[in-house]
Amino acid sequence: MVAKSLEVRPLTDTFGAEVLGVTLSRQMDHDVFDEIKALWLRYEVLLFRGQDIEKEDLIEFSRRVGPLEIHVREEWLNKKHPELLQITNIREDGKPTGALADGEVGWHFDQIYLPKPAVGSVLYSVKIPPVGGSTHFADMTTAYARLPRHLKDVVDGRNAVQSYTAFNQTYSTTVNSKQSTLTPDIAHPLVRTHPYSGRRALYVCPGMTISISGLPDDESRAVLDELFDWTSREEFVYRHDWRVSDAIMWDNACTMHRRDDFDGEYERLMYRTTILPQADRAIPF
């Protein structure tokens, strides 16, 4: 049942909502948590402003949604709380302490390159540059529902190859041999069935999708380019301009995201949890 006691402000016509008057605390009331989860499944992206919370609050709230994944990039995990991936340009002893420092980061799904992809993420802002660094989210459920028939006929029933290596070559740094072994290229359905709701959404992104299985290279490239253009249309996108202490919880099964660049002279620090489906409730791909 959709939440009724929490005040909600839609962010776009089709997805995304700001939830007011709630703190993502470890002590959150069970009924309030259930309402938030229902809103998350309905709106796909939830914004919580003014979250004066500790790292432990972020971790425990996220863990109530589902098991937390420890990211393969252990060099960018918080030293005391490995459940938190640090998204930052802050360096210590000349070395980066987090992922995706200060450039533009293209459209992607978190962990689309793993055998068991994430179903959710929560990102919490600690330090924000005065300009730039906005995050954009794309509604892949609506993008699939409105997909032109000629593209639906191609994507339905087909797989696409996802590559963390390709993403790192463009937006990040290379992985070590251990991390490379854990993240080989992998094929997933082009249309993902949501593990809880059963809704269908496009599961393809410019940052990591490199080919469509079973199609010649030139045809695969042409279809992907058309899909990338379609899914990034303004009608499917919400742009978020960050404030300190914002938290955003998004559905990784049906939204992709990207980040604008920003001036690296300013520090940016964010903490992210990555949420896996609950095994006893999940619908397979």
Protein backbone atom coordinates (compact mmCIF):
# COMPACT_ATOMS: atom_id res chain seq x y z
CA MET A 1 0.00 0.00 0.00
CA VAL A 2 1.34 3.48 -0.89
CA ALA A 3 2.28 5.73 2.01
CA LYS A 4 -0.36 8.24 3.14
CA SER A 5 1.02 9.79 6.34
CA LEU A 6 4.25 11.19 4.84
CA GLU A 7 4.18 14.40 2.83
CA VAL A 8 5.32 13.75 -0.73
CA ARG A 9 6.12 16.16 -3.58
CA PRO A 10 6.51 14.61 -7.03
CA LEU A 11 9.69 15.61 -8.87
CA THR A 12 8.49 14.87 -12.43
CA ASP A 13 5.32 13.74 -14.15
CA THR A 14 6.32 10.06 -14.20
CA PHE A 15 8.83 9.33 -11.43
CA GLY A 16 10.74 10.74 -8.48
CA ALA A 17 9.41 12.33 -5.28
CA GLU A 18 10.67 14.39 -2.37
CA VAL A 19 9.67 12.96 1.01
CA LEU A 20 9.35 15.55 3.76
CA GLY A 21 9.41 15.38 7.53
CA VAL A 22 11.37 12.16 7.98
CA THR A 23 14.93 11.30 9.06
CA LEU A 24 16.69 8.14 7.86
CA SER A 25 17.53 7.08 11.40
CA ARG A 26 18.53 3.70 12.75
CA GLN A 27 15.55 4.04 15.09
CA MET A 28 13.01 4.69 12.35
CA ASP A 29 9.54 3.41 13.18
CA HIS A 30 8.63 0.20 11.37
CA ASP A 31 5.47 1.66 9.83
CA VAL A 32 7.33 4.72 8.56
CA PHE A 33 9.99 2.50 7.00
CA ASP A 34 7.32 0.43 5.26
CA GLU A 35 5.79 3.63 3.87
CA ILE A 36 9.16 4.79 2.54
CA LYS A 37 9.79 1.44 0.87
CA ALA A 38 6.35 1.58 -0.76
CA LEU A 39 7.09 5.08 -2.03
CA TRP A 40 10.48 3.95 -3.35
CA LEU A 41 8.85 1.17 -5.35
CA ARG A 42 6.25 3.57 -6.70
CA TYR A 43 8.42 6.60 -7.52
CA GLU A 44 11.81 4.90 -8.15
CA VAL A 45 13.79 7.94 -6.89
CA LEU A 46 13.23 9.46 -3.44
CA LEU A 47 14.80 12.70 -2.19
CA PHE A 48 15.27 13.42 1.51
CA ARG A 49 16.55 16.93 2.31
CA GLY A 50 18.27 18.04 5.52
CA GLN A 51 19.37 14.62 6.75
CA ASP A 52 21.55 15.21 9.81
CA ILE A 53 22.55 11.57 10.18
CA GLU A 54 25.58 9.46 11.06
CA LYS A 55 27.23 6.86 8.85
CA GLU A 56 25.65 4.15 10.96
CA ASP A 57 22.17 5.55 10.25
CA LEU A 58 22.77 5.39 6.51
CA ILE A 59 24.08 1.83 6.74
CA GLU A 60 21.32 0.48 8.96
CA PHE A 61 18.51 2.17 7.04
CA SER A 62 19.87 0.74 3.78
CA ARG A 63 20.31 -2.73 5.29
CA ARG A 64 16.61 -2.79 6.21
CA VAL A 65 15.83 -2.53 2.49
CA GLY A 66 18.10 -5.43 1.55
CA PRO A 67 21.58 -6.97 1.94
CA LEU A 68 24.42 -4.53 1.34
CA GLU A 69 27.12 -5.20 -1.19
CA ILE A 70 30.75 -4.43 -0.41
CA HIS A 71 32.10 -2.77 -3.55
CA VAL A 72 35.00 -4.45 -5.34
CA ARG A 73 37.01 -1.21 -5.23
CA GLU A 74 38.19 -1.73 -1.66
CA GLU A 75 40.61 1.19 -1.95
CA TRP A 76 37.60 3.55 -2.03
CA LEU A 77 35.65 2.09 0.87
CA ASN A 78 35.32 3.93 4.16
CA LYS A 79 37.98 2.51 6.47
CA LYS A 80 35.64 2.01 9.44
CA HIS A 81 32.52 1.18 7.46
CA PRO A 82 33.24 -0.88 4.32
CA GLU A 83 29.53 -0.84 3.47
CA LEU A 84 30.08 2.77 2.37
CA LEU A 85 31.64 3.59 -0.99
CA GLN A 86 33.21 7.05 -0.88
CA ILE A 87 32.41 9.25 -3.88
CA THR A 88 34.95 12.03 -3.49
CA ASN A 89 37.84 13.99 -4.97
CA ILE A 90 39.58 14.29 -1.59
CA ARG A 91 43.08 12.84 -1.57
CA GLU A 92 45.25 11.59 1.30
CA ASP A 93 49.03 11.44 0.88
CA GLY A 94 48.47 12.24 -2.78
CA LYS A 95 46.21 9.24 -3.33
CA PRO A 96 42.47 9.30 -4.11
CA THR A 97 40.20 8.18 -1.29
CA GLY A 98 37.08 7.68 -3.38
CA ALA A 99 35.54 6.88 -6.72
CA LEU A 100 34.69 9.13 -9.66
CA ALA A 101 36.64 12.15 -8.47
CA ASP A 102 35.65 15.32 -10.33
CA GLY A 103 34.86 14.86 -14.02
CA GLU A 104 31.65 14.08 -15.83
CA VAL A 105 30.38 10.54 -15.30
CA GLY A 106 28.17 9.13 -18.05
CA TRP A 107 24.90 7.24 -17.82
CA HIS A 108 25.15 3.94 -15.96
CA PHE A 109 23.49 1.53 -13.55
CA ASP A 110 25.33 0.67 -10.35
CA GLN A 111 26.68 -2.90 -10.50
CA ILE A 112 25.00 -3.79 -13.81
CA TYR A 113 28.25 -5.67 -14.55
CA LEU A 114 27.82 -8.21 -11.72
CA PRO A 115 25.98 -11.57 -11.80
CA LYS A 116 23.56 -10.31 -9.11
CA PRO A 117 23.03 -6.61 -9.89
CA ALA A 118 21.98 -4.10 -7.27
CA VAL A 119 18.34 -3.21 -6.77
CA GLY A 120 18.95 0.05 -4.92
CA SER A 121 21.43 2.71 -3.85
CA VAL A 122 21.40 5.50 -1.28
CA LEU A 123 23.72 8.48 -1.75
CA TYR A 124 24.32 11.01 1.05
CA SER A 125 26.05 14.36 0.55
CA VAL A 126 28.62 15.62 3.08
CA LYS A 127 30.57 18.24 1.08
CA ILE A 128 29.28 19.85 -2.12
CA PRO A 129 31.01 22.26 -4.53
CA PRO A 130 29.15 25.56 -5.09
CA VAL A 131 28.56 24.86 -8.78
CA GLY A 132 28.28 21.68 -10.86
CA GLY A 133 28.13 18.04 -9.90
CA SER A 134 24.38 17.64 -10.47
CA THR A 135 23.12 14.07 -10.75
CA HIS A 136 20.61 13.11 -13.44
CA PHE A 137 18.27 10.11 -13.19
CA ALA A 138 16.43 8.47 -16.11
CA ASP A 139 13.10 6.66 -15.77
CA MET A 140 13.74 3.42 -17.63
CA THR A 141 10.28 2.01 -16.83
CA THR A 142 8.54 4.78 -18.74
CA ALA A 143 11.23 4.76 -21.42
CA TYR A 144 10.44 1.08 -22.05
CA ALA A 145 6.66 1.59 -21.93
CA ARG A 146 6.91 4.33 -24.58
CA LEU A 147 9.57 2.63 -26.66
CA PRO A 148 8.83 2.68 -30.41
CA ARG A 149 7.58 -0.67 -31.67
CA HIS A 150 10.57 -1.32 -33.93
CA LEU A 151 12.90 -1.06 -30.93
CA LYS A 152 10.67 -3.15 -28.66
CA ASP A 153 10.71 -5.90 -31.24
CA VAL A 154 14.53 -5.91 -31.08
CA VAL A 155 15.09 -5.68 -27.32
CA ASP A 156 12.43 -8.05 -26.01
CA GLY A 157 13.99 -11.42 -25.25
CA ARG A 158 17.56 -10.31 -26.02
CA ASN A 159 20.61 -9.92 -23.81
CA ALA A 160 23.25 -7.20 -23.82
CA VAL A 161 26.87 -7.34 -22.69
CA GLN A 162 27.82 -5.09 -19.76
CA SER A 163 31.43 -4.08 -19.20
CA TYR A 164 32.96 -2.53 -16.07
CA THR A 165 36.24 -2.39 -17.99
CA ALA A 166 34.66 -0.13 -20.62
CA PHE A 167 33.27 2.15 -17.93
CA ASN A 168 36.62 2.47 -16.17
CA GLN A 169 38.42 3.23 -19.42
CA THR A 170 36.17 6.22 -19.94
CA TYR A 171 35.29 7.54 -16.49
CA SER A 172 37.44 5.97 -13.81
CA THR A 173 40.72 4.11 -13.26
CA THR A 174 41.66 0.53 -14.05
CA VAL A 175 41.06 -2.24 -11.57
CA ASN A 176 43.72 -4.54 -10.16
CA SER A 177 43.95 -8.22 -11.13
CA LYS A 178 41.74 -9.40 -8.26
CA GLN A 179 39.05 -6.86 -9.07
CA SER A 180 39.28 -7.68 -12.77
CA THR A 181 38.68 -11.35 -12.02
CA LEU A 182 35.51 -10.41 -10.10
CA THR A 183 34.15 -8.16 -12.86
CA PRO A 184 34.38 -9.87 -16.27
CA ASP A 185 32.05 -8.73 -19.04
CA ILE A 186 28.61 -10.25 -18.51
CA ALA A 187 25.31 -10.53 -20.42
CA HIS A 188 21.98 -9.48 -18.88
CA PRO A 189 18.53 -9.07 -20.40
CA LEU A 190 17.99 -5.78 -22.23
CA VAL A 191 14.66 -5.56 -20.42
CA ARG A 192 14.88 -6.20 -16.68
CA THR A 193 11.94 -7.51 -14.68
CA HIS A 194 11.81 -5.70 -11.37
CA PRO A 195 12.60 -8.16 -8.54
CA TYR A 196 9.72 -6.93 -6.35
CA SER A 197 7.07 -5.29 -8.51
CA GLY A 198 7.48 -7.33 -11.68
CA ARG A 199 7.43 -4.15 -13.79
CA ARG A 200 9.64 -4.15 -16.87
CA ALA A 201 12.29 -1.54 -17.61
CA LEU A 202 15.09 -1.06 -20.11
CA TYR A 203 18.38 -2.30 -18.67
CA VAL A 204 20.91 -0.65 -20.93
CA CYS A 205 23.27 2.31 -20.45
CA PRO A 206 25.93 4.13 -22.50
CA GLY A 207 28.54 3.78 -19.76
CA MET A 208 28.63 -0.01 -19.62
CA THR A 209 26.55 -1.65 -22.37
CA ILE A 210 28.91 -2.56 -25.22
CA SER A 211 26.92 -4.90 -27.47
CA ILE A 212 23.66 -6.77 -28.02
CA SER A 213 24.05 -10.52 -28.04
CA GLY A 214 23.19 -12.23 -31.31
CA LEU A 215 23.30 -9.13 -33.52
CA PRO A 216 26.04 -8.24 -36.01
CA ASP A 217 28.37 -5.54 -34.67
CA ASP A 218 27.08 -2.78 -36.93
CA GLU A 219 23.43 -3.55 -36.20
CA SER A 220 24.13 -3.85 -32.48
CA ARG A 221 25.85 -0.46 -32.46
CA ALA A 222 23.02 1.19 -34.36
CA VAL A 223 20.34 -0.18 -32.01
CA LEU A 224 22.32 0.79 -28.92
CA ASP A 225 22.86 4.32 -30.18
CA GLU A 226 19.13 4.65 -30.80
CA LEU A 227 18.34 3.30 -27.32
CA PHE A 228 20.86 5.65 -25.70
CA ASP A 229 19.33 8.65 -27.48
CA TRP A 230 15.82 7.53 -26.53
CA THR A 231 16.43 6.89 -22.82
CA SER A 232 18.19 10.22 -22.23
CA ARG A 233 15.31 12.31 -23.62
CA GLU A 234 14.26 15.16 -21.34
CA GLU A 235 10.82 13.61 -20.74
CA PHE A 236 12.45 10.68 -18.91
CA VAL A 237 15.04 12.62 -16.84
CA TYR A 238 15.14 14.29 -13.42
CA ARG A 239 18.13 16.53 -12.62
CA HIS A 240 19.11 16.90 -8.97
CA ASP A 241 21.13 19.87 -7.73
CA TRP A 242 22.71 18.77 -4.48
CA ARG A 243 22.69 20.47 -1.09
CA VAL A 244 24.70 19.39 1.92
CA SER A 245 22.87 16.64 3.88
CA ASP A 246 20.69 15.54 0.96
CA ALA A 247 20.05 11.82 0.68
CA ILE A 248 18.71 10.19 -2.47
CA MET A 249 17.47 6.61 -2.61
CA TRP A 250 16.99 5.24 -6.09
CA ASP A 251 15.87 2.03 -7.72
CA ASN A 252 18.78 0.46 -9.59
CA ALA A 253 16.54 -2.00 -11.39
CA CYS A 254 14.71 0.73 -13.33
CA THR A 255 16.68 3.99 -13.25
CA MET A 256 20.08 4.85 -14.65
CA HIS A 257 22.02 7.95 -13.60
CA ARG A 258 24.90 10.22 -14.56
CA ARG A 259 26.81 13.16 -13.05
CA ASP A 260 27.83 16.57 -14.38
CA ASP A 261 31.43 17.66 -13.93
CA PHE A 262 32.47 20.27 -11.34
CA ASP A 263 35.44 22.40 -10.35
CA GLY A 264 37.98 20.09 -8.72
CA GLU A 265 39.32 22.98 -6.63
CA TYR A 266 36.34 22.38 -4.36
CA GLU A 267 35.96 19.26 -2.23
CA ARG A 268 33.06 16.90 -2.83
CA LEU A 269 32.34 14.04 -0.45
CA MET A 270 29.44 11.62 -0.60
CA TYR A 271 28.76 8.20 0.88
CA ARG A 272 26.89 5.49 -1.03
CA THR A 273 25.36 2.21 0.00
CA THR A 274 24.50 -0.44 -2.59
CA ILE A 275 21.48 -2.65 -1.91
CA LEU A 276 20.97 -6.18 -3.25
CA PRO A 277 17.59 -7.88 -3.69
CA GLN A 278 16.32 -9.94 -0.78
CA ALA A 279 16.81 -13.50 -1.96
CA ASP A 280 13.56 -14.83 -0.50
CA ARG A 281 11.40 -12.20 -2.22
CA ALA A 282 13.11 -11.49 -5.50
CA ILE A 283 11.68 -12.33 -8.91
CA PRO A 284 14.50 -13.52 -11.17
CA PHE A 285 15.43 -11.61 -14.32
